[in-house]
């Protein structure tokens, strides 16, 4: 069983400098995003539609999953 981790990255487009957030879900051992590194996505990833495909990672935020209780006593 492999554990999945979700992380939110604050990205900045290299071509037009617009900042946005994108969430990714990967296996814990494959998670290797670091602040200041470059990430290549498809050309449609930029919300400004500039056609840029390279983005710098400004910050990363892990999302922790909590157990939810259901039922009348929750």
N, C-alpha and C. Protein backbone atom coordinates (compact mmCIF):
# COMPACT_ATOMS: atom_id res chain seq x y z
N UNK A 1 0.84 -1.18 0.00
CA UNK A 1 0.00 0.00 0.00
C UNK A 1 0.89 1.24 0.00
N UNK A 2 0.68 2.11 -0.96
CA UNK A 2 1.48 3.34 -1.02
C UNK A 2 0.63 4.51 -0.57
N UNK A 3 1.21 5.38 0.23
CA UNK A 3 0.51 6.53 0.75
C UNK A 3 0.54 7.66 -0.26
N UNK A 4 -0.61 8.29 -0.46
CA UNK A 4 -0.71 9.41 -1.36
C UNK A 4 -0.67 10.71 -0.55
N UNK A 5 0.00 11.70 -1.09
CA UNK A 5 0.13 12.99 -0.43
C UNK A 5 -0.33 14.06 -1.41
N UNK A 6 -1.10 15.03 -0.90
CA UNK A 6 -1.52 16.16 -1.73
C UNK A 6 -0.76 17.39 -1.27
N UNK A 7 -0.26 18.13 -2.24
CA UNK A 7 0.50 19.35 -1.94
C UNK A 7 -0.01 20.47 -2.86
N UNK A 8 -0.07 21.67 -2.31
CA UNK A 8 -0.44 22.85 -3.10
C UNK A 8 0.83 23.65 -3.36
N UNK A 9 1.08 23.95 -4.62
CA UNK A 9 2.25 24.72 -5.00
C UNK A 9 1.83 26.12 -5.44
N UNK A 10 2.50 27.13 -4.93
CA UNK A 10 2.33 28.48 -5.43
C UNK A 10 3.34 28.65 -6.56
N UNK A 11 2.83 28.83 -7.78
CA UNK A 11 3.67 28.88 -8.97
C UNK A 11 3.67 30.27 -9.58
N UNK A 12 4.75 30.58 -10.29
CA UNK A 12 4.85 31.83 -11.05
C UNK A 12 5.30 31.49 -12.46
N UNK A 13 4.53 31.96 -13.43
CA UNK A 13 4.85 31.71 -14.84
C UNK A 13 6.11 32.49 -15.21
N UNK A 14 7.05 31.82 -15.85
CA UNK A 14 8.31 32.45 -16.24
C UNK A 14 8.08 33.43 -17.39
N UNK A 15 7.12 33.14 -18.25
CA UNK A 15 6.90 33.97 -19.44
C UNK A 15 6.16 35.28 -19.12
N UNK A 16 5.09 35.22 -18.28
CA UNK A 16 4.29 36.43 -18.05
C UNK A 16 4.26 36.85 -16.58
N UNK A 17 4.89 36.10 -15.68
CA UNK A 17 5.05 36.42 -14.26
C UNK A 17 3.75 36.39 -13.45
N UNK A 18 2.68 35.79 -13.96
CA UNK A 18 1.45 35.68 -13.19
C UNK A 18 1.63 34.57 -12.14
N UNK A 19 1.07 34.81 -10.93
CA UNK A 19 1.17 33.83 -9.86
C UNK A 19 -0.16 33.13 -9.69
N UNK A 20 -0.11 31.82 -9.39
CA UNK A 20 -1.31 31.03 -9.18
C UNK A 20 -0.96 29.80 -8.36
N UNK A 21 -1.99 29.09 -7.91
CA UNK A 21 -1.78 27.87 -7.13
C UNK A 21 -2.28 26.67 -7.91
N UNK A 22 -1.61 25.55 -7.71
CA UNK A 22 -2.01 24.29 -8.35
C UNK A 22 -1.78 23.17 -7.35
N UNK A 23 -2.73 22.25 -7.23
CA UNK A 23 -2.56 21.14 -6.30
C UNK A 23 -2.16 19.89 -7.07
N UNK A 24 -1.33 19.07 -6.45
CA UNK A 24 -0.84 17.83 -7.02
C UNK A 24 -1.01 16.72 -5.99
N UNK A 25 -1.29 15.53 -6.45
CA UNK A 25 -1.38 14.38 -5.56
C UNK A 25 -0.47 13.29 -6.11
N UNK A 26 0.48 12.87 -5.30
CA UNK A 26 1.45 11.87 -5.73
C UNK A 26 1.79 10.94 -4.58
N UNK A 27 2.51 9.89 -4.92
CA UNK A 27 2.99 8.99 -3.87
C UNK A 27 4.03 9.72 -3.03
N UNK A 28 4.03 9.43 -1.76
CA UNK A 28 4.90 10.14 -0.82
C UNK A 28 6.37 10.07 -1.24
N UNK A 29 6.81 8.93 -1.71
CA UNK A 29 8.24 8.79 -2.06
C UNK A 29 8.61 9.51 -3.33
N UNK A 30 7.61 9.81 -4.19
CA UNK A 30 7.90 10.51 -5.44
C UNK A 30 7.77 12.02 -5.30
N UNK A 31 7.35 12.49 -4.15
CA UNK A 31 7.13 13.92 -3.93
C UNK A 31 8.47 14.63 -3.78
N UNK A 32 8.83 15.45 -4.75
CA UNK A 32 10.14 16.10 -4.72
C UNK A 32 10.08 17.54 -5.22
N UNK A 33 9.06 18.29 -4.80
CA UNK A 33 8.96 19.69 -5.19
C UNK A 33 9.67 20.55 -4.15
N UNK A 34 10.54 21.43 -4.60
CA UNK A 34 11.28 22.32 -3.71
C UNK A 34 11.10 23.75 -4.15
N UNK A 35 11.07 24.65 -3.18
CA UNK A 35 10.92 26.08 -3.48
C UNK A 35 12.13 26.57 -4.26
N UNK A 36 11.88 27.37 -5.28
CA UNK A 36 12.94 27.91 -6.10
C UNK A 36 13.26 27.08 -7.33
N UNK A 37 12.74 25.87 -7.41
CA UNK A 37 13.00 25.02 -8.57
C UNK A 37 12.03 25.34 -9.69
N UNK A 38 12.34 24.84 -10.88
CA UNK A 38 11.50 25.05 -12.05
C UNK A 38 10.68 23.79 -12.30
N UNK A 39 9.46 24.00 -12.79
CA UNK A 39 8.54 22.92 -13.07
C UNK A 39 7.97 23.13 -14.46
N UNK A 40 7.99 22.09 -15.29
CA UNK A 40 7.44 22.21 -16.64
C UNK A 40 6.07 21.54 -16.69
N UNK A 41 5.07 22.31 -17.09
CA UNK A 41 3.72 21.81 -17.27
C UNK A 41 3.31 22.05 -18.72
N UNK A 42 2.09 21.69 -19.06
CA UNK A 42 1.67 21.94 -20.44
C UNK A 42 1.39 23.44 -20.65
N UNK A 43 1.27 23.83 -21.92
CA UNK A 43 1.13 25.24 -22.27
C UNK A 43 -0.19 25.84 -21.80
N UNK A 44 -1.16 25.01 -21.46
CA UNK A 44 -2.46 25.51 -21.02
C UNK A 44 -2.54 25.69 -19.51
N UNK A 45 -1.44 25.47 -18.79
CA UNK A 45 -1.45 25.55 -17.33
C UNK A 45 -1.49 26.98 -16.82
N UNK A 46 -0.97 27.92 -17.58
CA UNK A 46 -0.95 29.32 -17.13
C UNK A 46 -2.35 29.91 -17.21
N UNK A 47 -2.85 30.47 -16.09
CA UNK A 47 -4.19 31.07 -16.13
C UNK A 47 -4.28 32.33 -16.99
N UNK A 48 -3.14 32.91 -17.35
CA UNK A 48 -3.10 34.08 -18.21
C UNK A 48 -3.12 33.71 -19.70
N UNK A 49 -3.06 32.42 -20.00
CA UNK A 49 -3.09 31.87 -21.37
C UNK A 49 -1.99 32.45 -22.25
N UNK A 50 -0.80 32.63 -21.68
CA UNK A 50 0.32 33.20 -22.44
C UNK A 50 1.06 32.15 -23.26
N UNK A 51 0.80 30.88 -22.99
CA UNK A 51 1.48 29.81 -23.72
C UNK A 51 2.78 29.37 -23.08
N UNK A 52 3.13 29.92 -21.93
CA UNK A 52 4.35 29.50 -21.24
C UNK A 52 4.17 28.14 -20.60
N UNK A 53 5.24 27.36 -20.58
CA UNK A 53 5.15 26.03 -19.99
C UNK A 53 6.15 25.81 -18.85
N UNK A 54 6.95 26.82 -18.50
CA UNK A 54 7.88 26.73 -17.38
C UNK A 54 7.41 27.63 -16.24
N UNK A 55 7.45 27.08 -15.02
CA UNK A 55 6.94 27.79 -13.85
C UNK A 55 7.93 27.62 -12.71
N UNK A 56 8.12 28.68 -11.94
CA UNK A 56 8.98 28.57 -10.76
C UNK A 56 8.10 28.31 -9.54
N UNK A 57 8.60 27.48 -8.65
CA UNK A 57 7.87 27.13 -7.43
C UNK A 57 8.20 28.17 -6.38
N UNK A 58 7.21 28.98 -6.00
CA UNK A 58 7.39 30.01 -4.99
C UNK A 58 7.31 29.41 -3.58
N UNK A 59 6.24 28.64 -3.32
CA UNK A 59 6.04 28.01 -2.01
C UNK A 59 5.30 26.70 -2.21
N UNK A 60 5.38 25.84 -1.20
CA UNK A 60 4.60 24.61 -1.22
C UNK A 60 3.92 24.42 0.13
N UNK A 61 2.72 23.89 0.09
CA UNK A 61 1.93 23.67 1.29
C UNK A 61 1.39 22.25 1.26
N UNK A 62 1.81 21.38 2.17
CA UNK A 62 1.22 20.04 2.21
C UNK A 62 -0.20 20.11 2.78
N UNK A 63 -1.08 19.28 2.25
CA UNK A 63 -2.45 19.20 2.74
C UNK A 63 -2.58 17.90 3.52
N UNK A 64 -2.89 18.02 4.79
CA UNK A 64 -3.05 16.84 5.63
C UNK A 64 -4.50 16.42 5.62
N UNK A 65 -4.71 15.12 5.57
CA UNK A 65 -6.07 14.59 5.59
C UNK A 65 -6.42 14.17 7.00
N UNK A 66 -7.57 14.56 7.45
CA UNK A 66 -8.04 14.22 8.79
C UNK A 66 -9.20 13.24 8.67
N UNK A 67 -9.32 12.37 9.65
CA UNK A 67 -10.45 11.45 9.68
C UNK A 67 -11.70 12.22 10.07
N UNK A 68 -12.78 11.96 9.36
CA UNK A 68 -14.05 12.60 9.67
C UNK A 68 -14.97 11.59 10.31
N UNK A 69 -15.70 12.07 11.26
CA UNK A 69 -16.66 11.19 11.94
C UNK A 69 -18.05 11.46 11.41
N UNK A 70 -18.76 10.39 11.10
CA UNK A 70 -20.11 10.50 10.60
C UNK A 70 -21.06 9.82 11.58
N UNK A 71 -22.29 10.28 11.58
CA UNK A 71 -23.28 9.67 12.44
C UNK A 71 -23.92 10.66 13.37
N UNK A 72 -24.89 10.23 14.18
CA UNK A 72 -25.60 11.15 15.04
C UNK A 72 -24.78 11.72 16.18
N UNK A 73 -23.71 11.04 16.58
CA UNK A 73 -22.88 11.52 17.71
C UNK A 73 -21.67 12.33 17.26
N UNK A 74 -21.57 12.63 15.97
CA UNK A 74 -20.40 13.35 15.45
C UNK A 74 -20.44 14.81 15.82
